[in-house]
C-alpha atoms as a PDB file:
ATOM      1  CA  MET A   1      -2.092  28.564   6.183  1.00  0.00           C
ATOM      2  CA  PRO A   2      -3.774  25.134   5.123  1.00  0.00           C
ATOM      3  CA  VAL A   3      -1.890  21.756   5.281  1.00  0.00           C
ATOM      4  CA  THR A   4       0.295  20.915   2.507  1.00  0.00           C
ATOM      5  CA  LEU A   5      -0.545  16.923   0.572  1.00  0.00           C
ATOM      6  CA  SER A   6       2.375  15.952  -0.976  1.00  0.00           C
ATOM      7  CA  ILE A   7       1.082  13.182  -3.703  1.00  0.00           C
ATOM      8  CA  VAL A   8       3.265  10.780  -4.985  1.00  0.00           C
ATOM      9  CA  ILE A   9       2.577   9.052  -8.151  1.00  0.00           C
ATOM     10  CA  PRO A  10       4.386   6.175  -9.272  1.00  0.00           C
ATOM     11  CA  ASN A  11       5.036   5.661 -13.091  1.00  0.00           C
ATOM     12  CA  TRP A  12       5.859   2.991 -15.724  1.00  0.00           C
ATOM     13  CA  ASN A  13       4.554   2.778 -18.959  1.00  0.00           C
ATOM     14  CA  GLY A  14       1.226   4.765 -17.904  1.00  0.00           C
ATOM     15  CA  ALA A  15       0.502   7.702 -19.592  1.00  0.00           C
ATOM     16  CA  ARG A  16      -3.069   5.898 -21.171  1.00  0.00           C
ATOM     17  CA  PHE A  17      -3.710   6.496 -17.408  1.00  0.00           C
ATOM     18  CA  LEU A  18      -2.235  10.096 -16.125  1.00  0.00           C
ATOM     19  CA  PRO A  19      -4.536  12.231 -18.158  1.00  0.00           C
ATOM     20  CA  VAL A  20      -7.684  11.026 -15.790  1.00  0.00           C
ATOM     21  CA  CYS A  21      -5.544  10.464 -12.931  1.00  0.00           C
ATOM     22  CA  LEU A  22      -4.360  14.348 -12.639  1.00  0.00           C
ATOM     23  CA  GLU A  23      -6.939  15.934 -14.421  1.00  0.00           C
ATOM     24  CA  ALA A  24      -8.828  14.578 -11.147  1.00  0.00           C
ATOM     25  CA  LEU A  25      -5.464  16.190  -8.983  1.00  0.00           C
ATOM     26  CA  ARG A  26      -6.201  19.070 -10.653  1.00  0.00           C
ATOM     27  CA  GLN A  27     -10.111  19.857  -9.595  1.00  0.00           C
ATOM     28  CA  GLN A  28      -9.610  18.750  -5.799  1.00  0.00           C
ATOM     29  CA  THR A  29     -11.144  21.270  -3.514  1.00  0.00           C
ATOM     30  CA  HIS A  30      -8.131  21.305  -0.949  1.00  0.00           C
ATOM     31  CA  PRO A  31      -5.999  24.750  -2.144  1.00  0.00           C
ATOM     32  CA  ALA A  32      -2.211  23.275  -0.813  1.00  0.00           C
ATOM     33  CA  LEU A  33      -1.472  20.259  -3.254  1.00  0.00           C
ATOM     34  CA  GLU A  34       2.225  19.603  -4.259  1.00  0.00           C
ATOM     35  CA  VAL A  35       2.038  16.562  -7.054  1.00  0.00           C
ATOM     36  CA  LEU A  36       5.044  14.615  -7.552  1.00  0.00           C
ATOM     37  CA  ILE A  37       5.564  12.048 -10.447  1.00  0.00           C
ATOM     38  CA  VAL A  38       8.102   9.342 -10.239  1.00  0.00           C
ATOM     39  CA  ASP A  39       8.722   7.982 -13.672  1.00  0.00           C
ATOM     40  CA  ASN A  40      10.594   4.452 -13.904  1.00  0.00           C
ATOM     41  CA  ALA A  41      11.998   4.505 -16.892  1.00  0.00           C
ATOM     42  CA  SER A  42       9.384   4.501 -19.009  1.00  0.00           C
ATOM     43  CA  SER A  43       9.739   4.829 -22.961  1.00  0.00           C
ATOM     44  CA  ASP A  44       5.783   4.844 -23.869  1.00  0.00           C
ATOM     45  CA  GLY A  45       6.050   9.282 -23.696  1.00  0.00           C
ATOM     46  CA  SER A  46       4.738   9.708 -20.318  1.00  0.00           C
ATOM     47  CA  GLN A  47       7.527  12.386 -19.468  1.00  0.00           C
ATOM     48  CA  ASP A  48       6.956  14.356 -22.417  1.00  0.00           C
ATOM     49  CA  LEU A  49       3.258  13.675 -22.104  1.00  0.00           C
ATOM     50  CA  ILE A  50       3.569  15.611 -18.958  1.00  0.00           C
ATOM     51  CA  GLN A  51       6.413  18.226 -19.050  1.00  0.00           C
ATOM     52  CA  ARG A  52       3.779  19.388 -21.862  1.00  0.00           C
ATOM     53  CA  GLU A  53       0.420  19.523 -20.378  1.00  0.00           C
ATOM     54  CA  TYR A  54       0.660  19.157 -16.942  1.00  0.00           C
ATOM     55  CA  PRO A  55       3.852  21.914 -15.968  1.00  0.00           C
ATOM     56  CA  TRP A  56       2.539  22.200 -12.694  1.00  0.00           C
ATOM     57  CA  VAL A  57       3.391  18.612 -11.838  1.00  0.00           C
ATOM     58  CA  LYS A  58       7.062  17.837 -10.173  1.00  0.00           C
ATOM     59  CA  LEU A  59       8.473  15.120 -12.709  1.00  0.00           C
ATOM     60  CA  ILE A  60      11.293  12.773 -11.533  1.00  0.00           C
ATOM     61  CA  GLU A  61      12.674  10.743 -13.701  1.00  0.00           C
ATOM     62  CA  LEU A  62      14.066   7.916 -12.807  1.00  0.00           C
ATOM     63  CA  PRO A  63      17.294   5.919 -15.127  1.00  0.00           C
ATOM     64  CA  THR A  64      16.245   2.222 -14.278  1.00  0.00           C
ATOM     65  CA  ASN A  65      13.193   0.848 -13.213  1.00  0.00           C
ATOM     66  CA  THR A  66      13.136   0.755  -9.733  1.00  0.00           C
ATOM     67  CA  GLY A  67      10.129  -1.096  -8.663  1.00  0.00           C
ATOM     68  CA  PHE A  68       7.197   0.663  -7.072  1.00  0.00           C
ATOM     69  CA  THR A  69       8.723   1.162  -3.719  1.00  0.00           C
ATOM     70  CA  GLY A  70      11.734   2.674  -5.398  1.00  0.00           C
ATOM     71  CA  ALA A  71       9.573   5.402  -7.023  1.00  0.00           C
ATOM     72  CA  CYS A  72       7.657   5.921  -3.912  1.00  0.00           C
ATOM     73  CA  ASN A  73      10.758   6.091  -1.947  1.00  0.00           C
ATOM     74  CA  THR A  74      12.201   8.842  -3.734  1.00  0.00           C
ATOM     75  CA  GLY A  75       9.066  10.610  -4.114  1.00  0.00           C
ATOM     76  CA  MET A  76       8.217  10.588  -0.512  1.00  0.00           C
ATOM     77  CA  ARG A  77      11.857  11.586   0.121  1.00  0.00           C
ATOM     78  CA  ALA A  78      11.736  14.745  -2.503  1.00  0.00           C
ATOM     79  CA  ALA A  79       8.260  15.774  -0.703  1.00  0.00           C
ATOM     80  CA  THR A  80       7.398  19.052   1.052  1.00  0.00           C
ATOM     81  CA  GLY A  81       3.996  18.036   2.752  1.00  0.00           C
ATOM     82  CA  GLU A  82       3.303  17.928   6.031  1.00  0.00           C
ATOM     83  CA  ILE A  83       1.345  14.773   4.927  1.00  0.00           C
ATOM     84  CA  VAL A  84       2.319  12.436   2.113  1.00  0.00           C
ATOM     85  CA  ALA A  85       0.096  10.515  -0.278  1.00  0.00           C
ATOM     86  CA  LEU A  86       0.903   7.537  -2.622  1.00  0.00           C
ATOM     87  CA  LEU A  87      -1.408   7.470  -5.195  1.00  0.00           C
ATOM     88  CA  ASN A  88      -2.095   4.356  -8.169  1.00  0.00           C
ATOM     89  CA  ASN A  89      -1.364   6.124 -11.836  1.00  0.00           C
ATOM     90  CA  ASP A  90      -4.395   4.364 -12.939  1.00  0.00           C
ATOM     91  CA  THR A  91      -6.751   5.711 -10.482  1.00  0.00           C
ATOM     92  CA  GLU A  92      -9.483   8.777 -10.314  1.00  0.00           C
ATOM     93  CA  VAL A  93      -9.756  10.149  -7.260  1.00  0.00           C
ATOM     94  CA  ASP A  94     -13.581  12.398  -5.941  1.00  0.00           C
ATOM     95  CA  PRO A  95     -13.001  16.259  -6.075  1.00  0.00           C
ATOM     96  CA  GLU A  96     -13.134  15.721  -2.270  1.00  0.00           C
ATOM     97  CA  TRP A  97     -10.458  13.401  -1.587  1.00  0.00           C
ATOM     98  CA  ALA A  98      -7.337  15.628  -0.376  1.00  0.00           C
ATOM     99  CA  ALA A  99     -10.348  17.895   1.691  1.00  0.00           C
ATOM    100  CA  ALA A 100     -11.184  14.497   3.488  1.00  0.00           C
ATOM    101  CA  VAL A 101      -7.777  12.831   3.351  1.00  0.00           C
ATOM    102  CA  VAL A 102      -6.270  15.976   5.205  1.00  0.00           C
ATOM    103  CA  ASP A 103      -9.386  16.426   7.492  1.00  0.00           C
ATOM    104  CA  ALA A 104      -9.589  12.750   9.130  1.00  0.00           C
ATOM    105  CA  PHE A 105      -5.514  13.728  10.073  1.00  0.00           C
ATOM    106  CA  ALA A 106      -6.542  17.098  11.727  1.00  0.00           C
ATOM    107  CA  ARG A 107      -9.752  15.234  14.094  1.00  0.00           C
ATOM    108  CA  HIS A 108      -7.726  12.569  14.711  1.00  0.00           C
ATOM    109  CA  PRO A 109      -3.899  13.389  16.321  1.00  0.00           C
ATOM    110  CA  GLU A 110      -3.344   9.418  16.903  1.00  0.00           C
ATOM    111  CA  VAL A 111      -3.129   8.575  13.558  1.00  0.00           C
ATOM    112  CA  GLY A 112      -0.459   8.108  11.455  1.00  0.00           C
ATOM    113  CA  SER A 113      -1.704   6.409   7.941  1.00  0.00           C
ATOM    114  CA  VAL A 114      -5.176   7.163   6.546  1.00  0.00           C
ATOM    115  CA  ALA A 115      -7.174   4.609   4.349  1.00  0.00           C
ATOM    116  CA  SER A 116      -9.397   5.552   1.069  1.00  0.00           C
ATOM    117  CA  LYS A 117     -12.463   3.727  -0.249  1.00  0.00           C
ATOM    118  CA  MET A 118     -11.435   2.394  -3.236  1.00  0.00           C
ATOM    119  CA  LEU A 119     -13.825   1.433  -5.926  1.00  0.00           C
ATOM    120  CA  LEU A 120     -13.675  -0.025  -9.438  1.00  0.00           C
ATOM    121  CA  PHE A 121     -13.278   1.925 -12.179  1.00  0.00           C
ATOM    122  CA  GLU A 122     -15.595   0.703 -14.373  1.00  0.00           C
ATOM    123  CA  LYS A 123     -17.523  -0.907 -11.949  1.00  0.00           C
ATOM    124  CA  ARG A 124     -18.153   2.376  -9.423  1.00  0.00           C
ATOM    125  CA  ASP A 125     -21.343   0.652  -7.138  1.00  0.00           C
ATOM    126  CA  HIS A 126     -18.447  -1.950  -6.064  1.00  0.00           C
ATOM    127  CA  ILE A 127     -15.661  -1.977  -3.489  1.00  0.00           C
ATOM    128  CA  HIS A 128     -11.900  -2.921  -4.659  1.00  0.00           C
ATOM    129  CA  THR A 129     -10.739  -2.319  -0.624  1.00  0.00           C
ATOM    130  CA  THR A 130     -11.479  -0.263   2.526  1.00  0.00           C
ATOM    131  CA  GLY A 131      -8.433  -0.515   3.742  1.00  0.00           C
ATOM    132  CA  ASP A 132      -6.490  -3.961   4.590  1.00  0.00           C
ATOM    133  CA  PHE A 133      -7.127  -6.468   7.145  1.00  0.00           C
ATOM    134  CA  PHE A 134      -4.092  -8.981   8.666  1.00  0.00           C
ATOM    135  CA  THR A 135      -4.892 -12.548   9.956  1.00  0.00           C
ATOM    136  CA  THR A 136      -3.417 -14.915  12.884  1.00  0.00           C
ATOM    137  CA  ASP A 137      -2.397 -17.381  10.141  1.00  0.00           C
ATOM    138  CA  GLY A 138      -0.787 -14.626   8.384  1.00  0.00           C
ATOM    139  CA  ARG A 139      -2.336 -13.145   5.261  1.00  0.00           C
ATOM    140  CA  ALA A 140      -3.194 -10.025   4.327  1.00  0.00           C
ATOM    141  CA  GLY A 141      -6.077  -8.170   2.409  1.00  0.00           C
ATOM    142  CA  ASN A 142      -8.770  -5.982   0.879  1.00  0.00           C
ATOM    143  CA  ARG A 143     -11.240  -5.428   2.985  1.00  0.00           C
ATOM    144  CA  GLY A 144     -14.799  -5.384   1.343  1.00  0.00           C
ATOM    145  CA  VAL A 145     -13.476  -6.210  -2.156  1.00  0.00           C
ATOM    146  CA  TRP A 146     -15.940  -7.274  -4.876  1.00  0.00           C
ATOM    147  CA  GLN A 147     -18.786  -6.767  -2.694  1.00  0.00           C
ATOM    148  CA  LYS A 148     -21.467  -4.452  -3.921  1.00  0.00           C
ATOM    149  CA  ASP A 149     -21.226  -0.755  -2.254  1.00  0.00           C
ATOM    150  CA  GLU A 150     -24.081  -0.443  -0.184  1.00  0.00           C
ATOM    151  CA  GLY A 151     -23.117   1.477   2.741  1.00  0.00           C
ATOM    152  CA  GLN A 152     -21.308  -1.236   4.491  1.00  0.00           C
ATOM    153  CA  PHE A 153     -18.298   0.660   4.887  1.00  0.00           C
ATOM    154  CA  ASP A 154     -19.858   3.904   5.740  1.00  0.00           C
ATOM    155  CA  ARG A 155     -18.586   4.178   9.016  1.00  0.00           C
ATOM    156  CA  GLU A 156     -15.545   5.636   9.825  1.00  0.00           C
ATOM    157  CA  GLU A 157     -12.621   3.414  11.304  1.00  0.00           C
ATOM    158  CA  TYR A 158      -9.677   2.085  12.775  1.00  0.00           C
ATOM    159  CA  VAL A 159      -7.966  -0.362  10.056  1.00  0.00           C
ATOM    160  CA  PHE A 160      -4.555  -2.227  10.101  1.00  0.00           C
ATOM    161  CA  SER A 161      -3.265  -0.998   7.271  1.00  0.00           C
ATOM    162  CA  ALA A 162      -4.152   1.422   4.048  1.00  0.00           C
ATOM    163  CA  CYS A 163      -3.817  -0.246   0.553  1.00  0.00           C
ATOM    164  CA  GLY A 164      -0.738   1.221  -0.949  1.00  0.00           C
ATOM    165  CA  GLY A 165      -2.699   2.506  -4.139  1.00  0.00           C
ATOM    166  CA  SER A 166      -4.116   5.046  -2.452  1.00  0.00           C
ATOM    167  CA  SER A 167      -2.512   5.624   0.963  1.00  0.00           C
ATOM    168  CA  ALA A 168      -1.352   8.862   3.524  1.00  0.00           C
ATOM    169  CA  TYR A 169       0.813   9.175   5.917  1.00  0.00           C
ATOM    170  CA  ARG A 170       2.000  12.073   8.475  1.00  0.00           C
ATOM    171  CA  ARG A 171       5.461  13.095   7.430  1.00  0.00           C
ATOM    172  CA  VAL A 172       6.643  12.928  11.146  1.00  0.00           C
ATOM    173  CA  MET A 173       5.565   9.581  11.487  1.00  0.00           C
ATOM    174  CA  LEU A 174       7.769   8.241   8.198  1.00  0.00           C
ATOM    175  CA  ASP A 175      10.627   9.861   9.402  1.00  0.00           C
ATOM    176  CA  GLN A 176       9.994   8.024  12.822  1.00  0.00           C
ATOM    177  CA  ILE A 177       9.250   4.689  11.426  1.00  0.00           C
ATOM    178  CA  GLY A 178      10.688   4.862   8.394  1.00  0.00           C
ATOM    179  CA  LEU A 179       9.483   4.485   4.377  1.00  0.00           C
ATOM    180  CA  LEU A 180       8.319   1.573   1.873  1.00  0.00           C
ATOM    181  CA  ASP A 181      10.899  -1.462   2.050  1.00  0.00           C
ATOM    182  CA  ASP A 182      13.117  -0.722  -1.392  1.00  0.00           C
ATOM    183  CA  ASP A 183      13.648  -5.111  -0.658  1.00  0.00           C
ATOM    184  CA  PHE A 184       9.918  -5.479  -1.260  1.00  0.00           C
ATOM    185  CA  PHE A 185      10.571  -3.961  -4.995  1.00  0.00           C
ATOM    186  CA  PHE A 186       6.322  -4.430  -5.679  1.00  0.00           C
ATOM    187  CA  SER A 187       3.174  -5.597  -3.294  1.00  0.00           C
ATOM    188  CA  GLY A 188       3.338  -6.464   0.183  1.00  0.00           C
ATOM    189  CA  GLU A 189       5.319  -3.298   0.845  1.00  0.00           C
ATOM    190  CA  ASP A 190       2.214  -1.018   1.947  1.00  0.00           C
ATOM    191  CA  VAL A 191       1.138  -3.569   4.760  1.00  0.00           C
ATOM    192  CA  ASP A 192       4.778  -3.865   5.401  1.00  0.00           C
ATOM    193  CA  LEU A 193       4.743  -1.042   6.618  1.00  0.00           C
ATOM    194  CA  GLY A 194       1.693  -0.914   8.122  1.00  0.00           C
ATOM    195  CA  TRP A 195       2.801  -3.306  10.669  1.00  0.00           C
ATOM    196  CA  ARG A 196       5.122  -0.624  11.345  1.00  0.00           C
ATOM    197  CA  VAL A 197       2.948   1.894  12.068  1.00  0.00           C
ATOM    198  CA  ASN A 198       0.936  -0.215  14.315  1.00  0.00           C
ATOM    199  CA  LEU A 199       4.136  -1.362  16.173  1.00  0.00           C
ATOM    200  CA  SER A 200       5.038   2.001  17.209  1.00  0.00           C
ATOM    201  CA  GLY A 201       1.739   3.032  18.588  1.00  0.00           C
ATOM    202  CA  TRP A 202       0.210   5.023  15.028  1.00  0.00           C
ATOM    203  CA  ARG A 203      -3.077   3.866  14.253  1.00  0.00           C
ATOM    204  CA  CYS A 204      -4.085   3.616  10.619  1.00  0.00           C
ATOM    205  CA  LEU A 205      -7.859   5.396   9.719  1.00  0.00           C
ATOM    206  CA  TYR A 206     -10.245   4.308   7.051  1.00  0.00           C
ATOM    207  CA  THR A 207     -12.508   6.350   6.231  1.00  0.00           C
ATOM    208  CA  PRO A 208     -15.014   6.781   3.521  1.00  0.00           C
ATOM    209  CA  ALA A 209     -15.388  10.244   2.463  1.00  0.00           C
ATOM    210  CA  ALA A 210     -12.267   9.597   0.424  1.00  0.00           C
ATOM    211  CA  ILE A 211     -13.159   8.172  -2.847  1.00  0.00           C
ATOM    212  CA  VAL A 212     -11.052   6.775  -5.337  1.00  0.00           C
ATOM    213  CA  TYR A 213     -11.919   4.863  -8.530  1.00  0.00           C
ATOM    214  CA  HIS A 214      -8.882   2.229  -9.554  1.00  0.00           C
ATOM    215  CA  HIS A 215      -8.517   0.195 -12.966  1.00  0.00           C
ATOM    216  CA  LEU A 216      -7.484  -3.471 -11.613  1.00  0.00           C
ATOM    217  CA  SER A 217      -3.595  -4.457 -12.623  1.00  0.00           C
ATOM    218  CA  ALA A 218      -3.583  -1.935 -15.017  1.00  0.00           C
ATOM    219  CA  THR A 219      -0.210  -1.597 -14.239  1.00  0.00           C
ATOM    220  CA  GLY A 220       1.153  -4.750 -12.921  1.00  0.00           C
ATOM    221  CA  GLY A 221      -0.597  -7.945 -11.877  1.00  0.00           C
ATOM    222  CA  GLY A 222      -0.457 -11.925 -13.709  1.00  0.00           C
ATOM    223  CA  VAL A 223       2.903 -13.399 -13.118  1.00  0.00           C
ATOM    224  CA  THR A 224       5.235 -10.465 -11.586  1.00  0.00           C
ATOM    225  CA  ALA A 225       2.057  -9.858  -9.052  1.00  0.00           C
ATOM    226  CA  SER A 226       2.471 -13.818  -8.490  1.00  0.00           C
ATOM    227  CA  TYR A 227       6.442 -14.363  -7.589  1.00  0.00           C
ATOM    228  CA  TYR A 228       6.314 -10.451  -5.433  1.00  0.00           C
ATOM    229  CA  ASP A 229       2.676 -11.905  -3.730  1.00  0.00           C
ATOM    230  CA  GLY A 230       4.650 -15.134  -2.782  1.00  0.00           C
ATOM    231  CA  ARG A 231       8.007 -13.691  -1.275  1.00  0.00           C
ATOM    232  CA  ASN A 232       6.812 -10.772   0.062  1.00  0.00           C
ATOM    233  CA  LEU A 233       4.240 -12.000   2.610  1.00  0.00           C
ATOM    234  CA  ILE A 234       7.456 -14.291   4.009  1.00  0.00           C
ATOM    235  CA  PHE A 235       9.174 -11.368   4.771  1.00  0.00           C
ATOM    236  CA  ILE A 236       6.850  -9.385   6.215  1.00  0.00           C
ATOM    237  CA  LEU A 237       5.941 -12.499   8.662  1.00  0.00           C
ATOM    238  CA  VAL A 238       9.718 -12.907   9.143  1.00  0.00           C
ATOM    239  CA  LYS A 239      10.330  -8.872   9.864  1.00  0.00           C
ATOM    240  CA  ASN A 240       6.806  -7.807  11.282  1.00  0.00           C
ATOM    241  CA  LEU A 241       5.245 -10.459  13.624  1.00  0.00           C
ATOM    242  CA  PRO A 242       6.396 -10.376  17.390  1.00  0.00           C
ATOM    243  CA  GLY A 243       7.599 -13.386  19.152  1.00  0.00           C
ATOM    244  CA  ALA A 244       4.867 -13.431  21.587  1.00  0.00           C
ATOM    245  CA  LEU A 245       2.397 -13.651  18.353  1.00  0.00           C
ATOM    246  CA  TRP A 246       4.686 -16.351  16.525  1.00  0.00           C
ATOM    247  CA  ARG A 247       4.763 -18.445  19.415  1.00  0.00           C
ATOM    248  CA  LYS A 248       0.754 -18.202  19.646  1.00  0.00           C
ATOM    249  CA  TYR A 249      -0.141 -18.095  15.574  1.00  0.00           C
ATOM    250  CA  GLY A 250       3.510 -19.923  14.388  1.00  0.00           C
ATOM    251  CA  GLY A 251       1.424 -23.176  13.845  1.00  0.00           C
ATOM    252  CA  GLN A 252      -1.469 -21.406  11.760  1.00  0.00           C
ATOM    253  CA  ILE A 253       0.928 -19.193   9.914  1.00  0.00           C
ATOM    254  CA  LEU A 254       2.678 -22.098   8.804  1.00  0.00           C
ATOM    255  CA  ARG A 255       0.404 -24.435   7.983  1.00  0.00           C
ATOM    256  CA  ALA A 256      -0.959 -22.110   5.667  1.00  0.00           C
ATOM    257  CA  GLN A 257       2.121 -21.040   4.315  1.00  0.00           C
ATOM    258  CA  ALA A 258       2.286 -24.871   3.360  1.00  0.00           C
ATOM    259  CA  ARG A 259      -1.266 -24.802   1.981  1.00  0.00           C
ATOM    260  CA  GLN A 260      -0.658 -22.535  -0.380  1.00  0.00           C
ATOM    261  CA  ALA A 261       2.414 -24.179  -1.922  1.00  0.00           C
ATOM    262  CA  TRP A 262       1.007 -27.581  -2.462  1.00  0.00           C
ATOM    263  CA  ALA A 263      -1.734 -25.512  -4.057  1.00  0.00           C
ATOM    264  CA  ALA A 264       0.974 -23.824  -6.511  1.00  0.00           C
ATOM    265  CA  ILE A 265       2.735 -27.596  -7.379  1.00  0.00           C
ATOM    266  CA  ARG A 266      -0.363 -28.716  -8.205  1.00  0.00           C
ATOM    267  CA  ALA A 267      -1.237 -25.891 -10.108  1.00  0.00           C
ATOM    268  CA  TRP A 268       2.103 -26.076 -11.892  1.00  0.00           C
ATOM    269  CA  ARG A 269       1.185 -25.860 -15.609  1.00  0.00           C
ATOM    270  CA  GLY A 270      -0.315 -22.242 -15.043  1.00  0.00           C
ATOM    271  CA  GLN A 271       2.254 -19.919 -15.200  1.00  0.00           C
ATOM    272  CA  ALA A 272       1.284 -17.946 -11.809  1.00  0.00           C
ATOM    273  CA  ALA A 273       1.281 -20.772  -9.316  1.00  0.00           C
ATOM    274  CA  ARG A 274       4.416 -21.262 -10.352  1.00  0.00           C
ATOM    275  CA  ALA A 275       6.116 -17.689 -10.108  1.00  0.00           C
ATOM    276  CA  LYS A 276       3.834 -17.878  -6.843  1.00  0.00           C
ATOM    277  CA  LEU A 277       6.083 -20.855  -5.971  1.00  0.00           C
ATOM    278  CA  ARG A 278       9.559 -19.114  -6.906  1.00  0.00           C
ATOM    279  CA  GLY A 279       8.741 -16.493  -4.553  1.00  0.00           C
ATOM    280  CA  MET A 280       7.778 -18.548  -1.600  1.00  0.00           C
ATOM    281  CA  ILE A 281      11.702 -20.097  -2.506  1.00  0.00           C
ATOM    282  CA  ALA A 282      12.986 -17.050  -2.656  1.00  0.00           C
ATOM    283  CA  GLY A 283      11.538 -15.577   0.391  1.00  0.00           C
ATOM    284  CA  ILE A 284      13.161 -18.415   1.730  1.00  0.00           C
ATOM    285  CA  ILE A 285      16.715 -17.620   0.618  1.00  0.00           C
ATOM    286  CA  GLY A 286      16.119 -14.057   1.767  1.00  0.00           C
ATOM    287  CA  LEU A 287      15.071 -15.326   5.239  1.00  0.00           C
ATOM    288  CA  PRO A 288      18.950 -13.926   7.031  1.00  0.00           C
ATOM    289  CA  ARG A 289      18.336 -10.567   5.084  1.00  0.00           C
ATOM    290  CA  MET A 290      14.504 -10.030   7.035  1.00  0.00           C
ATOM    291  CA  LEU A 291      15.966 -11.522   9.840  1.00  0.00           C
ATOM    292  CA  ARG A 292      18.592  -8.397  10.074  1.00  0.00           C
ATOM    293  CA  LYS A 293      15.658  -5.797   9.440  1.00  0.00           C
ATOM    294  CA  ARG A 294      13.356  -7.683  12.056  1.00  0.00           C
ATOM    295  CA  ARG A 295      15.785  -6.530  14.887  1.00  0.00           C
ATOM    296  CA  SER A 296      15.360  -3.014  14.045  1.00  0.00           C
ATOM    297  CA  VAL A 297      11.596  -2.970  13.142  1.00  0.00           C
ATOM    298  CA  GLN A 298      10.695  -4.825  16.596  1.00  0.00           C
ATOM    299  CA  ALA A 299      12.738  -2.116  18.615  1.00  0.00           C
ATOM    300  CA  LEU A 300       9.969   0.397  17.034  1.00  0.00           C
ATOM    301  CA  CYS A 301       7.602  -1.642  19.112  1.00  0.00           C
ATOM    302  CA  ARG A 302       5.852   0.989  21.605  1.00  0.00           C
ATOM    303  CA  VAL A 303       2.280  -1.534  22.315  1.00  0.00           C
ATOM    304  CA  SER A 304       2.332  -4.808  23.654  1.00  0.00           C
ATOM    305  CA  ALA A 305       1.534  -8.182  21.654  1.00  0.00           C
ATOM    306  CA  ALA A 306      -1.575  -7.998  23.136  1.00  0.00           C
ATOM    307  CA  GLU A 307      -2.952  -4.871  21.782  1.00  0.00           C
ATOM    308  CA  ILE A 308      -1.344  -5.925  18.113  1.00  0.00           C
ATOM    309  CA  ASP A 309      -3.179  -9.355  18.569  1.00  0.00           C
ATOM    310  CA  ALA A 310      -6.449  -7.328  19.102  1.00  0.00           C
ATOM    311  CA  LEU A 311      -6.057  -5.656  14.993  1.00  0.00           C
ATOM    312  CA  LEU A 312      -5.046  -8.965  13.581  1.00  0.00           C
ATOM    313  CA  THR A 313      -8.138 -11.134  12.327  1.00  0.00           C
ATOM    314  CA  SER A 314      -9.139 -15.211  12.447  1.00  0.00           C
ATOM    315  CA  ASP A 315     -11.539 -15.086   8.964  1.00  0.00           C
ATOM    316  CA  GLY A 316     -10.047 -12.251   6.760  1.00  0.00           C
ATOM    317  CA  VAL A 317     -12.831  -9.916   6.542  1.00  0.00           C
ATOM    318  CA  GLY A 318     -11.522  -7.277   8.619  1.00  0.00           C
END
């Protein structure tokens, strides 16, 4: 029997994107797919569209907007596949995408997470991400972002984590380390989960055969993204960075945070800058809650600080 891949798509007023996304999933060559859309109380007719045009999709309707994390967690709990993938509603996957994801897991039993090759929807020879990196001064980012795709990321390799716009996880690993952190709501939740993947001894593999085309900031971004980016990076650092690495890189991290705060203050007239600063303040206010979570996260650790250190990069290249 082929391995079942469950695909969880969070949706909030994304009716204009769903036909392209779902038609691409209908064309997948992998025969065992389960597609779940978790709708965050959309008001644009998304629910009717799905029920009318795509009856093979499992629709879960939530009464309120629970954010990216809430919708994804609801879908992952309802999913029945041995592999669970998260996919943005504003994507179009290559016909071989699902098969490539399943194959990567089959060939690598040490891998708990798989990252796709995400290209820009409107500029398909340019990269959005080939997996995430994390730096020694506490920054997360997309490998290869904005670069022209000239084969420089055509090698399968380990990366720090998988971008939540197209990430896949072993169910047995999720049962061990947990799902997304609902306190994040939106932004950075994929990197936070990636920390738990690495701390628990699993690996994240980037496979260039799994190709996804992505509209940038189609259903999120701007001021909202700036706020959660500022807040959630602090959450990530407080929860996940082992004590030995705080002692080694804490000065770099605090200086980087100070630079971001100063840049936001200098750009105070801009809404995004003000939102970023508000988010950073909210991150500091939320420290006690994250410190409580830190105890359970660090209890998952099955690798040395040196092994985690080897996953970090100093220059943001990945």
